Amino acid sequence: MKRIFAAAATAALLSAGAAHADHHGGKDKSASMEEKQNIVDTAAATGQFETLLAAAQAAGLAETLATGGPFTVFAPTDEAFAALPDGTVEDLLKPENQDQLQSILLLHVVDGKTWSKDLDGQELTVTAKNGGDLMIDGTDGVTVNGIDVVKADVKASNGVIHVIDEVILP
């Protein structure tokens, strides 16, 4: 099986903000500003990943996502978590369920930076950070385990985020 990914957990979209011109050369600083924010900072800046960030914190993974990498993260939105059965998120956030929460979050993360263009026309299986398999299909857009990537290639200093609209469950 072809393996191009495999590693840790969580988070999200480009930070909001307009591009600013450098007065000493007219260069656009927005790209360098984005690249300075790690995965956690990038996710926090959007306001769309509060549940994911709370889960990463509860699972003890936030620090790894902020300082480790590079990672490719398939990041579910707050709406994706809200679509889970009632009480699921609250139960997972309990300290006694930390191992289960870690496993679910790590299923959303693989090692390295993989851009959507790298997946174009491919169907492959990759290993997530929790050891589980992810089925990636790049033949018509990009899906992971049948879930659509709704926004791809969000840059962070320590990886790339692909936003998904469902939570991947084992």
C-alpha atoms as a PDB file:
ATOM      1  CA  MET A   1       0.000   0.000   0.000  1.00  0.00           C
ATOM      2  CA  LYS A   2       1.226   3.400  -0.852  1.00  0.00           C
ATOM      3  CA  ARG A   3       1.836   5.496   2.271  1.00  0.00           C
ATOM      4  CA  ILE A   4       2.521   9.206   1.998  1.00  0.00           C
ATOM      5  CA  PHE A   5       1.297  10.370   5.434  1.00  0.00           C
ATOM      6  CA  ALA A   6       1.172   9.279   9.157  1.00  0.00           C
ATOM      7  CA  ALA A   7       1.051  11.448  12.650  1.00  0.00           C
ATOM      8  CA  ALA A   8      -0.613  13.650  15.572  1.00  0.00           C
ATOM      9  CA  ALA A   9      -3.915  15.634  15.981  1.00  0.00           C
ATOM     10  CA  THR A  10      -6.155  18.725  15.400  1.00  0.00           C
ATOM     11  CA  ALA A  11      -7.098  22.068  13.884  1.00  0.00           C
ATOM     12  CA  ALA A  12      -7.847  24.418  10.994  1.00  0.00           C
ATOM     13  CA  LEU A  13      -8.285  27.411   8.656  1.00  0.00           C
ATOM     14  CA  LEU A  14      -6.259  30.445   7.620  1.00  0.00           C
ATOM     15  CA  SER A  15      -6.341  33.269  10.082  1.00  0.00           C
ATOM     16  CA  ALA A  16      -8.497  36.180   9.074  1.00  0.00           C
ATOM     17  CA  GLY A  17      -6.684  39.304   8.073  1.00  0.00           C
ATOM     18  CA  ALA A  18      -5.934  41.449   5.120  1.00  0.00           C
ATOM     19  CA  ALA A  19      -2.614  41.439   3.336  1.00  0.00           C
ATOM     20  CA  HIS A  20      -0.290  44.240   4.310  1.00  0.00           C
ATOM     21  CA  ALA A  21       2.291  45.730   2.006  1.00  0.00           C
ATOM     22  CA  ASP A  22       5.902  46.051   3.099  1.00  0.00           C
ATOM     23  CA  HIS A  23       6.810  49.701   2.802  1.00  0.00           C
ATOM     24  CA  HIS A  24      10.436  48.777   2.092  1.00  0.00           C
ATOM     25  CA  GLY A  25       9.809  46.792  -1.052  1.00  0.00           C
ATOM     26  CA  GLY A  26       6.095  46.481  -1.646  1.00  0.00           C
ATOM     27  CA  LYS A  27       6.075  42.770  -0.798  1.00  0.00           C
ATOM     28  CA  ASP A  28       2.929  41.099   0.493  1.00  0.00           C
ATOM     29  CA  LYS A  29       3.504  39.962   4.082  1.00  0.00           C
ATOM     30  CA  SER A  30       0.297  37.908   4.398  1.00  0.00           C
ATOM     31  CA  ALA A  31       1.928  34.614   3.390  1.00  0.00           C
ATOM     32  CA  SER A  32       4.776  35.027   5.869  1.00  0.00           C
ATOM     33  CA  MET A  33       2.288  36.022   8.599  1.00  0.00           C
ATOM     34  CA  GLU A  34       0.246  32.852   7.969  1.00  0.00           C
ATOM     35  CA  GLU A  35       3.344  30.678   8.033  1.00  0.00           C
ATOM     36  CA  LYS A  36       4.276  32.035  11.481  1.00  0.00           C
ATOM     37  CA  GLN A  37       1.107  30.634  13.068  1.00  0.00           C
ATOM     38  CA  ASN A  38       1.173  27.012  14.131  1.00  0.00           C
ATOM     39  CA  ILE A  39      -1.763  24.657  13.652  1.00  0.00           C
ATOM     40  CA  VAL A  40      -3.344  25.541  17.012  1.00  0.00           C
ATOM     41  CA  ASP A  41      -2.994  29.315  16.530  1.00  0.00           C
ATOM     42  CA  THR A  42      -4.352  29.067  13.001  1.00  0.00           C
ATOM     43  CA  ALA A  43      -7.381  27.088  14.183  1.00  0.00           C
ATOM     44  CA  ALA A  44      -8.038  29.433  17.096  1.00  0.00           C
ATOM     45  CA  ALA A  45      -7.924  32.515  14.877  1.00  0.00           C
ATOM     46  CA  THR A  46     -10.816  31.274  12.736  1.00  0.00           C
ATOM     47  CA  GLY A  47     -13.388  30.722  15.486  1.00  0.00           C
ATOM     48  CA  GLN A  48     -14.614  27.575  13.653  1.00  0.00           C
ATOM     49  CA  PHE A  49     -12.681  24.963  15.603  1.00  0.00           C
ATOM     50  CA  GLU A  50     -13.445  25.672  19.252  1.00  0.00           C
ATOM     51  CA  THR A  51     -14.608  22.096  19.885  1.00  0.00           C
ATOM     52  CA  LEU A  52     -11.584  20.615  18.165  1.00  0.00           C
ATOM     53  CA  LEU A  53      -9.235  22.819  20.185  1.00  0.00           C
ATOM     54  CA  ALA A  54     -11.027  22.001  23.451  1.00  0.00           C
ATOM     55  CA  ALA A  55     -10.759  18.318  22.591  1.00  0.00           C
ATOM     56  CA  ALA A  56      -7.050  18.635  21.750  1.00  0.00           C
ATOM     57  CA  GLN A  57      -6.477  20.355  25.089  1.00  0.00           C
ATOM     58  CA  ALA A  58      -8.461  17.715  27.012  1.00  0.00           C
ATOM     59  CA  ALA A  59      -6.581  14.944  25.202  1.00  0.00           C
ATOM     60  CA  GLY A  60      -3.193  16.489  25.994  1.00  0.00           C
ATOM     61  CA  LEU A  61      -2.423  17.010  22.305  1.00  0.00           C
ATOM     62  CA  ALA A  62      -2.548  20.801  21.937  1.00  0.00           C
ATOM     63  CA  GLU A  63       1.131  21.299  22.775  1.00  0.00           C
ATOM     64  CA  THR A  64       2.197  18.686  20.208  1.00  0.00           C
ATOM     65  CA  LEU A  65       0.062  20.347  17.543  1.00  0.00           C
ATOM     66  CA  ALA A  66       1.518  23.729  18.413  1.00  0.00           C
ATOM     67  CA  THR A  67       5.191  22.752  18.508  1.00  0.00           C
ATOM     68  CA  GLY A  68       5.590  19.420  16.682  1.00  0.00           C
ATOM     69  CA  GLY A  69       5.258  18.459  13.075  1.00  0.00           C
ATOM     70  CA  PRO A  70       5.078  18.834  10.272  1.00  0.00           C
ATOM     71  CA  PHE A  71       1.568  17.394  10.270  1.00  0.00           C
ATOM     72  CA  THR A  72      -1.312  17.090   7.852  1.00  0.00           C
ATOM     73  CA  VAL A  73      -4.540  17.542   9.809  1.00  0.00           C
ATOM     74  CA  PHE A  74      -8.033  16.701   8.595  1.00  0.00           C
ATOM     75  CA  ALA A  75      -9.829  19.180  10.860  1.00  0.00           C
ATOM     76  CA  PRO A  76     -13.549  18.826  11.590  1.00  0.00           C
ATOM     77  CA  THR A  77     -15.468  22.062  12.168  1.00  0.00           C
ATOM     78  CA  ASP A  78     -17.575  22.862  15.233  1.00  0.00           C
ATOM     79  CA  GLU A  79     -20.630  21.931  13.147  1.00  0.00           C
ATOM     80  CA  ALA A  80     -19.119  18.503  12.471  1.00  0.00           C
ATOM     81  CA  PHE A  81     -18.791  17.865  16.208  1.00  0.00           C
ATOM     82  CA  ALA A  82     -22.312  19.226  16.820  1.00  0.00           C
ATOM     83  CA  ALA A  83     -23.683  16.630  14.377  1.00  0.00           C
ATOM     84  CA  LEU A  84     -22.506  13.766  16.599  1.00  0.00           C
ATOM     85  CA  PRO A  85     -25.181  12.128  18.771  1.00  0.00           C
ATOM     86  CA  ASP A  86     -26.222  14.170  21.820  1.00  0.00           C
ATOM     87  CA  GLY A  87     -23.776  13.851  24.714  1.00  0.00           C
ATOM     88  CA  THR A  88     -20.937  12.350  22.640  1.00  0.00           C
ATOM     89  CA  VAL A  89     -18.600  15.337  22.823  1.00  0.00           C
ATOM     90  CA  GLU A  90     -19.316  15.942  26.525  1.00  0.00           C
ATOM     91  CA  ASP A  91     -18.554  12.282  27.300  1.00  0.00           C
ATOM     92  CA  LEU A  92     -15.333  12.327  25.289  1.00  0.00           C
ATOM     93  CA  LEU A  93     -14.119  15.451  27.105  1.00  0.00           C
ATOM     94  CA  LYS A  94     -14.316  13.725  30.507  1.00  0.00           C
ATOM     95  CA  PRO A  95     -10.871  12.908  31.976  1.00  0.00           C
ATOM     96  CA  GLU A  96     -11.691   9.201  32.202  1.00  0.00           C
ATOM     97  CA  ASN A  97     -12.175   9.113  28.411  1.00  0.00           C
ATOM     98  CA  GLN A  98      -8.865  10.786  27.505  1.00  0.00           C
ATOM     99  CA  ASP A  99      -7.446   7.685  25.770  1.00  0.00           C
ATOM    100  CA  GLN A 100     -10.518   7.312  23.565  1.00  0.00           C
ATOM    101  CA  LEU A 101     -10.481  11.034  22.745  1.00  0.00           C
ATOM    102  CA  GLN A 102      -6.777  10.888  21.840  1.00  0.00           C
ATOM    103  CA  SER A 103      -7.406   7.946  19.522  1.00  0.00           C
ATOM    104  CA  ILE A 104     -10.225   9.754  17.715  1.00  0.00           C
ATOM    105  CA  LEU A 105      -8.236  12.970  17.338  1.00  0.00           C
ATOM    106  CA  LEU A 106      -5.086  11.182  16.192  1.00  0.00           C
ATOM    107  CA  LEU A 107      -7.159   9.502  13.479  1.00  0.00           C
ATOM    108  CA  HIS A 108      -7.389  12.987  11.934  1.00  0.00           C
ATOM    109  CA  VAL A 109      -3.601  13.522  11.745  1.00  0.00           C
ATOM    110  CA  VAL A 110      -0.768  12.160   9.630  1.00  0.00           C
ATOM    111  CA  ASP A 111       2.945  12.984   9.463  1.00  0.00           C
ATOM    112  CA  GLY A 112       4.289  15.441   6.936  1.00  0.00           C
ATOM    113  CA  LYS A 113       2.758  18.148   4.771  1.00  0.00           C
ATOM    114  CA  THR A 114       0.571  16.757   2.019  1.00  0.00           C
ATOM    115  CA  TRP A 115      -1.091  19.224  -0.330  1.00  0.00           C
ATOM    116  CA  SER A 116      -4.252  18.492  -2.283  1.00  0.00           C
ATOM    117  CA  LYS A 117      -2.284  18.624  -5.559  1.00  0.00           C
ATOM    118  CA  ASP A 118      -0.225  15.676  -4.275  1.00  0.00           C
ATOM    119  CA  LEU A 119      -3.440  13.639  -4.064  1.00  0.00           C
ATOM    120  CA  ASP A 120      -4.861  14.581  -7.452  1.00  0.00           C
ATOM    121  CA  GLY A 121      -6.047  11.476  -9.301  1.00  0.00           C
ATOM    122  CA  GLN A 122      -4.911   9.076  -6.582  1.00  0.00           C
ATOM    123  CA  GLU A 123      -6.666   6.573  -4.365  1.00  0.00           C
ATOM    124  CA  LEU A 124      -4.553   5.405  -1.450  1.00  0.00           C
ATOM    125  CA  THR A 125      -4.503   4.206   2.099  1.00  0.00           C
ATOM    126  CA  VAL A 126      -2.412   6.079   4.652  1.00  0.00           C
ATOM    127  CA  THR A 127      -1.687   5.480   8.306  1.00  0.00           C
ATOM    128  CA  ALA A 128      -2.962   8.025  10.807  1.00  0.00           C
ATOM    129  CA  LYS A 129      -1.098   8.907  13.994  1.00  0.00           C
ATOM    130  CA  ASN A 130      -3.282   6.502  16.019  1.00  0.00           C
ATOM    131  CA  GLY A 131      -2.257   3.622  13.710  1.00  0.00           C
ATOM    132  CA  GLY A 132      -5.601   3.472  11.908  1.00  0.00           C
ATOM    133  CA  ASP A 133      -6.012   3.502   8.154  1.00  0.00           C
ATOM    134  CA  LEU A 134      -7.416   6.460   6.239  1.00  0.00           C
ATOM    135  CA  MET A 135      -8.749   5.977   2.727  1.00  0.00           C
ATOM    136  CA  ILE A 136      -7.829   9.026   0.632  1.00  0.00           C
ATOM    137  CA  ASP A 137      -9.556   9.548  -2.715  1.00  0.00           C
ATOM    138  CA  GLY A 138      -8.305  12.384  -4.887  1.00  0.00           C
ATOM    139  CA  THR A 139     -10.064  11.336  -8.098  1.00  0.00           C
ATOM    140  CA  ASP A 140     -12.964  13.825  -7.829  1.00  0.00           C
ATOM    141  CA  GLY A 141     -11.981  16.470  -5.318  1.00  0.00           C
ATOM    142  CA  VAL A 142     -10.513  15.019  -2.132  1.00  0.00           C
ATOM    143  CA  THR A 143     -12.235  12.785   0.394  1.00  0.00           C
ATOM    144  CA  VAL A 144     -10.936  11.035   3.492  1.00  0.00           C
ATOM    145  CA  ASN A 145     -12.900   7.925   4.513  1.00  0.00           C
ATOM    146  CA  GLY A 146     -15.685   9.191   2.263  1.00  0.00           C
ATOM    147  CA  ILE A 147     -15.839  12.613   3.969  1.00  0.00           C
ATOM    148  CA  ASP A 148     -15.413  15.651   1.722  1.00  0.00           C
ATOM    149  CA  VAL A 149     -12.523  18.036   2.234  1.00  0.00           C
ATOM    150  CA  VAL A 150     -14.436  21.349   2.128  1.00  0.00           C
ATOM    151  CA  LYS A 151     -11.351  23.561   2.257  1.00  0.00           C
ATOM    152  CA  ALA A 152      -7.891  22.286   1.399  1.00  0.00           C
ATOM    153  CA  ASP A 153      -4.326  23.477   1.799  1.00  0.00           C
ATOM    154  CA  VAL A 154      -4.602  25.789   4.804  1.00  0.00           C
ATOM    155  CA  LYS A 155      -1.006  26.683   5.648  1.00  0.00           C
ATOM    156  CA  ALA A 156       0.438  26.682   9.150  1.00  0.00           C
ATOM    157  CA  SER A 157       4.050  26.971  10.259  1.00  0.00           C
ATOM    158  CA  ASN A 158       4.164  23.308  11.235  1.00  0.00           C
ATOM    159  CA  GLY A 159       1.860  21.697   8.702  1.00  0.00           C
ATOM    160  CA  VAL A 160      -1.166  21.863   6.470  1.00  0.00           C
ATOM    161  CA  ILE A 161      -4.848  21.662   7.365  1.00  0.00           C
ATOM    162  CA  HIS A 162      -7.643  20.210   5.259  1.00  0.00           C
ATOM    163  CA  VAL A 163     -11.065  21.159   6.651  1.00  0.00           C
ATOM    164  CA  ILE A 164     -13.719  18.437   6.778  1.00  0.00           C
ATOM    165  CA  ASP A 165     -17.405  18.627   7.643  1.00  0.00           C
ATOM    166  CA  GLU A 166     -17.671  15.362   9.599  1.00  0.00           C
ATOM    167  CA  VAL A 167     -15.717  13.771  12.434  1.00  0.00           C
ATOM    168  CA  ILE A 168     -13.791  10.644  11.419  1.00  0.00           C
ATOM    169  CA  LEU A 169     -14.665   7.851  13.825  1.00  0.00           C
ATOM    170  CA  PRO A 170     -12.870   4.516  14.221  1.00  0.00           C
END
